[in-house]
Structures are given as C-alpha cells and as structure tokens.
Amino acid sequence: MSDETIIKETYDINEETLQPTLHKMDIKDEMKKRAYDLAVESMRKFSVEKDIADYIKDRFDQLFLPSWQCIAGNHI
C-alpha cells in the first residue's frame, strides 16, 4: 500500500474533459482501482462535488464495510 497519486486517462463527461485523480490513499491496489472506477461513474452521474463524494463513500461503505471518508473537488 502506498499514498502515491494515481492519474489515468481523461474522460469527456457532459461536454467537459475531466481527469479523475486519486490522492492520499492507504488502501490495497484492487481498492484503488475500484475507487477510480467509482470516481468516473460518479462524475458521469453528478456535477456537485458533495454528491460525487457521497456516492463514492456510500459505495465503499457497502463494498468494504463502514466507515470511509471521501473528498471530491476541483484541483487546478
């Protein structure tokens, strides 16, 4: 487990090009992959950062038992 930043490909969502980036993770590699996939999925469903974070947190609570934290936001 490590806390490196993972940056993958960009996605066109709602006519906007977005690139999910995961930071500060102390989780197993398979969980990192799931977090990234959930980030993309949530960005397709929601446009408000709080809704994106809530969606990812709720899914992680269901998949890997509570209690998780998630922060989503714009980073420039």
PDB file of N, CA and C in Angstrom:
ATOM      1  N   MET A   1       0.837  -1.175   0.000  1.00  0.00           N
ATOM      2  CA  MET A   1       0.000   0.000   0.000  1.00  0.00           C
ATOM      3  C   MET A   1       0.884   1.242   0.000  1.00  0.00           C
ATOM      4  N   SER A   2       0.410   2.260  -0.677  1.00  0.00           N
ATOM      5  CA  SER A   2       1.191   3.485  -0.742  1.00  0.00           C
ATOM      6  C   SER A   2       0.245   4.670  -0.863  1.00  0.00           C
ATOM      7  N   ASP A   3       0.811   5.865  -0.818  1.00  0.00           N
ATOM      8  CA  ASP A   3      -0.034   7.051  -0.909  1.00  0.00           C
ATOM      9  C   ASP A   3       0.283   7.882  -2.147  1.00  0.00           C
ATOM     10  N   GLU A   4       0.853   7.237  -3.176  1.00  0.00           N
ATOM     11  CA  GLU A   4       1.176   7.970  -4.381  1.00  0.00           C
ATOM     12  C   GLU A   4      -0.087   8.417  -5.098  1.00  0.00           C
ATOM     13  N   THR A   5       0.066   9.401  -5.948  1.00  0.00           N
ATOM     14  CA  THR A   5      -1.050   9.896  -6.738  1.00  0.00           C
ATOM     15  C   THR A   5      -1.198   9.014  -7.972  1.00  0.00           C
ATOM     16  N   ILE A   6      -2.430   8.647  -8.284  1.00  0.00           N
ATOM     17  CA  ILE A   6      -2.710   7.870  -9.486  1.00  0.00           C
ATOM     18  C   ILE A   6      -3.459   8.779 -10.442  1.00  0.00           C
ATOM     19  N   ILE A   7      -2.930   8.929 -11.643  1.00  0.00           N
ATOM     20  CA  ILE A   7      -3.610   9.708 -12.673  1.00  0.00           C
ATOM     21  C   ILE A   7      -3.753   8.798 -13.879  1.00  0.00           C
ATOM     22  N   LYS A   8      -4.958   8.686 -14.384  1.00  0.00           N
ATOM     23  CA  LYS A   8      -5.198   7.867 -15.556  1.00  0.00           C
ATOM     24  C   LYS A   8      -5.731   8.737 -16.676  1.00  0.00           C
ATOM     25  N   GLU A   9      -6.404   8.122 -17.627  1.00  0.00           N
ATOM     26  CA  GLU A   9      -6.849   8.830 -18.808  1.00  0.00           C
ATOM     27  C   GLU A   9      -7.943   9.847 -18.517  1.00  0.00           C
ATOM     28  N   THR A  10      -8.181  10.708 -19.493  1.00  0.00           N
ATOM     29  CA  THR A  10      -9.227  11.718 -19.365  1.00  0.00           C
ATOM     30  C   THR A  10     -10.539  11.173 -19.921  1.00  0.00           C
ATOM     31  N   TYR A  11     -11.635  11.769 -19.473  1.00  0.00           N
ATOM     32  CA  TYR A  11     -12.964  11.375 -19.916  1.00  0.00           C
ATOM     33  C   TYR A  11     -13.737  12.606 -20.319  1.00  0.00           C
ATOM     34  N   ASP A  12     -14.510  12.486 -21.374  1.00  0.00           N
ATOM     35  CA  ASP A  12     -15.414  13.559 -21.767  1.00  0.00           C
ATOM     36  C   ASP A  12     -16.762  13.271 -21.133  1.00  0.00           C
ATOM     37  N   ILE A  13     -17.147  14.124 -20.193  1.00  0.00           N
ATOM     38  CA  ILE A  13     -18.397  13.955 -19.470  1.00  0.00           C
ATOM     39  C   ILE A  13     -19.145  15.276 -19.525  1.00  0.00           C
ATOM     40  N   ASN A  14     -20.376  15.231 -20.007  1.00  0.00           N
ATOM     41  CA  ASN A  14     -21.201  16.434 -20.100  1.00  0.00           C
ATOM     42  C   ASN A  14     -20.478  17.553 -20.844  1.00  0.00           C
ATOM     43  N   GLU A  15     -19.880  17.220 -21.977  1.00  0.00           N
ATOM     44  CA  GLU A  15     -19.160  18.165 -22.831  1.00  0.00           C
ATOM     45  C   GLU A  15     -17.978  18.822 -22.134  1.00  0.00           C
ATOM     46  N   GLU A  16     -17.454  18.195 -21.119  1.00  0.00           N
ATOM     47  CA  GLU A  16     -16.305  18.711 -20.396  1.00  0.00           C
ATOM     48  C   GLU A  16     -15.290  17.583 -20.262  1.00  0.00           C
ATOM     49  N   THR A  17     -14.028  17.891 -20.468  1.00  0.00           N
ATOM     50  CA  THR A  17     -12.993  16.880 -20.320  1.00  0.00           C
ATOM     51  C   THR A  17     -12.524  16.868 -18.872  1.00  0.00           C
ATOM     52  N   LEU A  18     -12.656  15.707 -18.237  1.00  0.00           N
ATOM     53  CA  LEU A  18     -12.303  15.551 -16.835  1.00  0.00           C
ATOM     54  C   LEU A  18     -11.278  14.450 -16.672  1.00  0.00           C
ATOM     55  N   GLN A  19     -10.441  14.600 -15.681  1.00  0.00           N
ATOM     56  CA  GLN A  19      -9.441  13.585 -15.390  1.00  0.00           C
ATOM     57  C   GLN A  19      -9.460  13.300 -13.895  1.00  0.00           C
ATOM     58  N   PRO A  20     -10.122  12.223 -13.488  1.00  0.00           N
ATOM     59  CA  PRO A  20     -10.126  11.878 -12.061  1.00  0.00           C
ATOM     60  C   PRO A  20      -8.701  11.615 -11.579  1.00  0.00           C
ATOM     61  N   THR A  21      -8.381  12.127 -10.412  1.00  0.00           N
ATOM     62  CA  THR A  21      -7.090  11.908  -9.795  1.00  0.00           C
ATOM     63  C   THR A  21      -7.325  11.488  -8.354  1.00  0.00           C
ATOM     64  N   LEU A  22      -6.695  10.422  -7.951  1.00  0.00           N
ATOM     65  CA  LEU A  22      -6.840   9.940  -6.582  1.00  0.00           C
ATOM     66  C   LEU A  22      -5.591  10.326  -5.803  1.00  0.00           C
ATOM     67  N   HIS A  23      -5.786  10.839  -4.584  1.00  0.00           N
ATOM     68  CA  HIS A  23      -4.669  11.278  -3.747  1.00  0.00           C
ATOM     69  C   HIS A  23      -4.745  10.621  -2.376  1.00  0.00           C
ATOM     70  N   LYS A  24      -3.604  10.477  -1.749  1.00  0.00           N
ATOM     71  CA  LYS A  24      -3.501  10.088  -0.341  1.00  0.00           C
ATOM     72  C   LYS A  24      -4.329   8.858   0.004  1.00  0.00           C
ATOM     73  N   MET A  25      -3.921   7.746  -0.551  1.00  0.00           N
ATOM     74  CA  MET A  25      -4.643   6.509  -0.308  1.00  0.00           C
ATOM     75  C   MET A  25      -3.762   5.534   0.453  1.00  0.00           C
ATOM     76  N   ASP A  26      -4.316   4.959   1.460  1.00  0.00           N
ATOM     77  CA  ASP A  26      -3.632   3.895   2.187  1.00  0.00           C
ATOM     78  C   ASP A  26      -4.516   2.658   2.093  1.00  0.00           C
ATOM     79  N   ILE A  27      -4.703   2.203   0.852  1.00  0.00           N
ATOM     80  CA  ILE A  27      -5.583   1.075   0.587  1.00  0.00           C
ATOM     81  C   ILE A  27      -4.912   0.123  -0.400  1.00  0.00           C
ATOM     82  N   LYS A  28      -5.455  -1.070  -0.498  1.00  0.00           N
ATOM     83  CA  LYS A  28      -4.911  -2.084  -1.397  1.00  0.00           C
ATOM     84  C   LYS A  28      -5.131  -1.683  -2.849  1.00  0.00           C
ATOM     85  N   ASP A  29      -4.304  -2.244  -3.729  1.00  0.00           N
ATOM     86  CA  ASP A  29      -4.368  -1.880  -5.145  1.00  0.00           C
ATOM     87  C   ASP A  29      -5.735  -2.130  -5.769  1.00  0.00           C
ATOM     88  N   GLU A  30      -6.387  -3.255  -5.431  1.00  0.00           N
ATOM     89  CA  GLU A  30      -7.706  -3.527  -6.013  1.00  0.00           C
ATOM     90  C   GLU A  30      -8.735  -2.502  -5.549  1.00  0.00           C
ATOM     91  N   MET A  31      -8.555  -1.958  -4.347  1.00  0.00           N
ATOM     92  CA  MET A  31      -9.455  -0.920  -3.852  1.00  0.00           C
ATOM     93  C   MET A  31      -9.181   0.403  -4.564  1.00  0.00           C
ATOM     94  N   LYS A  32      -7.926   0.659  -4.919  1.00  0.00           N
ATOM     95  CA  LYS A  32      -7.593   1.862  -5.688  1.00  0.00           C
ATOM     96  C   LYS A  32      -8.287   1.824  -7.037  1.00  0.00           C
ATOM     97  N   LYS A  33      -8.261   0.664  -7.681  1.00  0.00           N
ATOM     98  CA  LYS A  33      -8.925   0.518  -8.978  1.00  0.00           C
ATOM     99  C   LYS A  33     -10.421   0.769  -8.826  1.00  0.00           C
ATOM    100  N   ARG A  34     -11.018   0.208  -7.797  1.00  0.00           N
ATOM    101  CA  ARG A  34     -12.453   0.401  -7.558  1.00  0.00           C
ATOM    102  C   ARG A  34     -12.751   1.876  -7.283  1.00  0.00           C
ATOM    103  N   ALA A  35     -11.909   2.543  -6.508  1.00  0.00           N
ATOM    104  CA  ALA A  35     -12.112   3.965  -6.215  1.00  0.00           C
ATOM    105  C   ALA A  35     -12.062   4.793  -7.488  1.00  0.00           C
ATOM    106  N   TYR A  36     -11.114   4.481  -8.369  1.00  0.00           N
ATOM    107  CA  TYR A  36     -11.006   5.217  -9.623  1.00  0.00           C
ATOM    108  C   TYR A  36     -12.250   4.999 -10.483  1.00  0.00           C
ATOM    109  N   ASP A  37     -12.678   3.748 -10.597  1.00  0.00           N
ATOM    110  CA  ASP A  37     -13.871   3.440 -11.386  1.00  0.00           C
ATOM    111  C   ASP A  37     -15.108   4.146 -10.824  1.00  0.00           C
ATOM    112  N   LEU A  38     -15.221   4.174  -9.504  1.00  0.00           N
ATOM    113  CA  LEU A  38     -16.349   4.868  -8.876  1.00  0.00           C
ATOM    114  C   LEU A  38     -16.273   6.377  -9.089  1.00  0.00           C
ATOM    115  N   ALA A  39     -15.063   6.920  -9.121  1.00  0.00           N
ATOM    116  CA  ALA A  39     -14.904   8.357  -9.386  1.00  0.00           C
ATOM    117  C   ALA A  39     -15.428   8.693 -10.777  1.00  0.00           C
ATOM    118  N   VAL A  40     -15.053   7.889 -11.761  1.00  0.00           N
ATOM    119  CA  VAL A  40     -15.544   8.122 -13.129  1.00  0.00           C
ATOM    120  C   VAL A  40     -17.058   7.976 -13.176  1.00  0.00           C
ATOM    121  N   GLU A  41     -17.572   6.903 -12.577  1.00  0.00           N
ATOM    122  CA  GLU A  41     -19.020   6.651 -12.569  1.00  0.00           C
ATOM    123  C   GLU A  41     -19.781   7.798 -11.905  1.00  0.00           C
ATOM    124  N   SER A  42     -19.277   8.266 -10.770  1.00  0.00           N
ATOM    125  CA  SER A  42     -19.976   9.342 -10.052  1.00  0.00           C
ATOM    126  C   SER A  42     -19.910  10.662 -10.808  1.00  0.00           C
ATOM    127  N   MET A  43     -18.807  10.915 -11.514  1.00  0.00           N
ATOM    128  CA  MET A  43     -18.690  12.152 -12.292  1.00  0.00           C
ATOM    129  C   MET A  43     -19.635  12.142 -13.486  1.00  0.00           C
ATOM    130  N   ARG A  44     -19.980  10.957 -13.962  1.00  0.00           N
ATOM    131  CA  ARG A  44     -20.969  10.869 -15.038  1.00  0.00           C
ATOM    132  C   ARG A  44     -22.380  11.135 -14.514  1.00  0.00           C
ATOM    133  N   LYS A  45     -22.638  10.805 -13.248  1.00  0.00           N
ATOM    134  CA  LYS A  45     -23.968  10.947 -12.668  1.00  0.00           C
ATOM    135  C   LYS A  45     -24.223  12.304 -12.037  1.00  0.00           C
ATOM    136  N   PHE A  46     -23.184  12.910 -11.459  1.00  0.00           N
ATOM    137  CA  PHE A  46     -23.359  14.119 -10.652  1.00  0.00           C
ATOM    138  C   PHE A  46     -22.416  15.223 -11.102  1.00  0.00           C
ATOM    139  N   SER A  47     -22.797  16.464 -10.819  1.00  0.00           N
ATOM    140  CA  SER A  47     -21.929  17.599 -11.142  1.00  0.00           C
ATOM    141  C   SER A  47     -21.482  18.348  -9.885  1.00  0.00           C
ATOM    142  N   VAL A  48     -22.103  18.066  -8.760  1.00  0.00           N
ATOM    143  CA  VAL A  48     -21.769  18.728  -7.498  1.00  0.00           C
ATOM    144  C   VAL A  48     -20.776  17.835  -6.742  1.00  0.00           C
ATOM    145  N   GLU A  49     -19.671  18.437  -6.283  1.00  0.00           N
ATOM    146  CA  GLU A  49     -18.619  17.671  -5.618  1.00  0.00           C
ATOM    147  C   GLU A  49     -19.126  16.893  -4.406  1.00  0.00           C
ATOM    148  N   LYS A  50     -20.026  17.476  -3.634  1.00  0.00           N
ATOM    149  CA  LYS A  50     -20.560  16.783  -2.455  1.00  0.00           C
ATOM    150  C   LYS A  50     -21.287  15.506  -2.871  1.00  0.00           C
ATOM    151  N   ASP A  51     -22.061  15.564  -3.943  1.00  0.00           N
ATOM    152  CA  ASP A  51     -22.778  14.385  -4.428  1.00  0.00           C
ATOM    153  C   ASP A  51     -21.806  13.315  -4.927  1.00  0.00           C
ATOM    154  N   ILE A  52     -20.752  13.736  -5.586  1.00  0.00           N
ATOM    155  CA  ILE A  52     -19.720  12.807  -6.073  1.00  0.00           C
ATOM    156  C   ILE A  52     -19.071  12.100  -4.893  1.00  0.00           C
ATOM    157  N   ALA A  53     -18.659  12.865  -3.888  1.00  0.00           N
ATOM    158  CA  ALA A  53     -18.009  12.292  -2.706  1.00  0.00           C
ATOM    159  C   ALA A  53     -18.960  11.367  -1.950  1.00  0.00           C
ATOM    160  N   ASP A  54     -20.213  11.782  -1.787  1.00  0.00           N
ATOM    161  CA  ASP A  54     -21.199  10.949  -1.084  1.00  0.00           C
ATOM    162  C   ASP A  54     -21.402   9.616  -1.798  1.00  0.00           C
ATOM    163  N   TYR A  55     -21.472   9.656  -3.121  1.00  0.00           N
ATOM    164  CA  TYR A  55     -21.675   8.437  -3.904  1.00  0.00           C
ATOM    165  C   TYR A  55     -20.512   7.462  -3.701  1.00  0.00           C
ATOM    166  N   ILE A  56     -19.281   7.966  -3.808  1.00  0.00           N
ATOM    167  CA  ILE A  56     -18.099   7.116  -3.644  1.00  0.00           C
ATOM    168  C   ILE A  56     -18.039   6.566  -2.219  1.00  0.00           C
ATOM    169  N   LYS A  57     -18.267   7.420  -1.238  1.00  0.00           N
ATOM    170  CA  LYS A  57     -18.241   6.988   0.169  1.00  0.00           C
ATOM    171  C   LYS A  57     -19.291   5.912   0.436  1.00  0.00           C
ATOM    172  N   ASP A  58     -20.515   6.130  -0.045  1.00  0.00           N
ATOM    173  CA  ASP A  58     -21.589   5.156   0.167  1.00  0.00           C
ATOM    174  C   ASP A  58     -21.263   3.807  -0.468  1.00  0.00           C
ATOM    175  N   ARG A  59     -20.730   3.825  -1.672  1.00  0.00           N
ATOM    176  CA  ARG A  59     -20.369   2.571  -2.346  1.00  0.00           C
ATOM    177  C   ARG A  59     -19.240   1.861  -1.603  1.00  0.00           C
ATOM    178  N   PHE A  60     -18.240   2.607  -1.121  1.00  0.00           N
ATOM    179  CA  PHE A  60     -17.147   1.980  -0.360  1.00  0.00           C
ATOM    180  C   PHE A  60     -17.670   1.415   0.961  1.00  0.00           C
ATOM    181  N   ASP A  61     -18.600   2.116   1.599  1.00  0.00           N
ATOM    182  CA  ASP A  61     -19.210   1.592   2.827  1.00  0.00           C
ATOM    183  C   ASP A  61     -19.906   0.259   2.561  1.00  0.00           C
ATOM    184  N   GLN A  62     -20.585   0.150   1.421  1.00  0.00           N
ATOM    185  CA  GLN A  62     -21.278  -1.089   1.065  1.00  0.00           C
ATOM    186  C   GLN A  62     -20.302  -2.203   0.701  1.00  0.00           C
ATOM    187  N   LEU A  63     -19.278  -1.857  -0.046  1.00  0.00           N
ATOM    188  CA  LEU A  63     -18.356  -2.869  -0.567  1.00  0.00           C
ATOM    189  C   LEU A  63     -17.317  -3.331   0.446  1.00  0.00           C
ATOM    190  N   PHE A  64     -16.828  -2.410   1.261  1.00  0.00           N
ATOM    191  CA  PHE A  64     -15.673  -2.705   2.119  1.00  0.00           C
ATOM    192  C   PHE A  64     -15.942  -2.423   3.600  1.00  0.00           C
ATOM    193  N   LEU A  65     -17.203  -2.352   3.954  1.00  0.00           N
ATOM    194  CA  LEU A  65     -17.659  -2.106   5.330  1.00  0.00           C
ATOM    195  C   LEU A  65     -17.370  -0.675   5.767  1.00  0.00           C
ATOM    196  N   PRO A  66     -18.263  -0.124   6.575  1.00  0.00           N
ATOM    197  CA  PRO A  66     -18.106   1.260   7.011  1.00  0.00           C
ATOM    198  C   PRO A  66     -16.913   1.378   7.941  1.00  0.00           C
ATOM    199  N   SER A  67     -16.325   2.440   8.039  1.00  0.00           N
ATOM    200  CA  SER A  67     -16.752   3.754   7.652  1.00  0.00           C
ATOM    201  C   SER A  67     -15.617   4.410   6.873  1.00  0.00           C
ATOM    202  N   TRP A  68     -15.961   4.947   5.703  1.00  0.00           N
ATOM    203  CA  TRP A  68     -14.990   5.559   4.804  1.00  0.00           C
ATOM    204  C   TRP A  68     -15.212   7.061   4.734  1.00  0.00           C
ATOM    205  N   GLN A  69     -14.168   7.752   4.279  1.00  0.00           N
ATOM    206  CA  GLN A  69     -14.259   9.186   4.036  1.00  0.00           C
ATOM    207  C   GLN A  69     -13.867   9.437   2.593  1.00  0.00           C
ATOM    208  N   CYS A  70     -14.501  10.417   1.983  1.00  0.00           N
ATOM    209  CA  CYS A  70     -14.164  10.780   0.620  1.00  0.00           C
ATOM    210  C   CYS A  70     -14.340  12.276   0.454  1.00  0.00           C
ATOM    211  N   ILE A  71     -13.382  12.899  -0.189  1.00  0.00           N
ATOM    212  CA  ILE A  71     -13.459  14.322  -0.506  1.00  0.00           C
ATOM    213  C   ILE A  71     -13.312  14.440  -2.010  1.00  0.00           C
ATOM    214  N   ALA A  72     -14.234  15.149  -2.642  1.00  0.00           N
ATOM    215  CA  ALA A  72     -14.160  15.391  -4.075  1.00  0.00           C
ATOM    216  C   ALA A  72     -14.138  16.883  -4.298  1.00  0.00           C
ATOM    217  N   GLY A  73     -13.294  17.313  -5.219  1.00  0.00           N
ATOM    218  CA  GLY A  73     -13.226  18.742  -5.503  1.00  0.00           C
ATOM    219  C   GLY A  73     -12.401  19.026  -6.726  1.00  0.00           C
ATOM    220  N   ASN A  74     -12.467  20.251  -7.122  1.00  0.00           N
ATOM    221  CA  ASN A  74     -11.698  20.721  -8.257  1.00  0.00           C
ATOM    222  C   ASN A  74     -10.276  21.000  -7.830  1.00  0.00           C
ATOM    223  N   HIS A  75      -9.347  20.521  -8.555  1.00  0.00           N
ATOM    224  CA  HIS A  75      -7.942  20.781  -8.223  1.00  0.00           C
ATOM    225  C   HIS A  75      -7.264  21.292  -9.480  1.00  0.00           C
ATOM    226  N   ILE A  76      -6.687  22.440  -9.365  1.00  0.00           N
ATOM    227  CA  ILE A  76      -6.076  23.095 -10.532  1.00  0.00           C
ATOM    228  C   ILE A  76      -4.584  23.144 -10.342  1.00  0.00           C
TER     229      ILE A  76
END
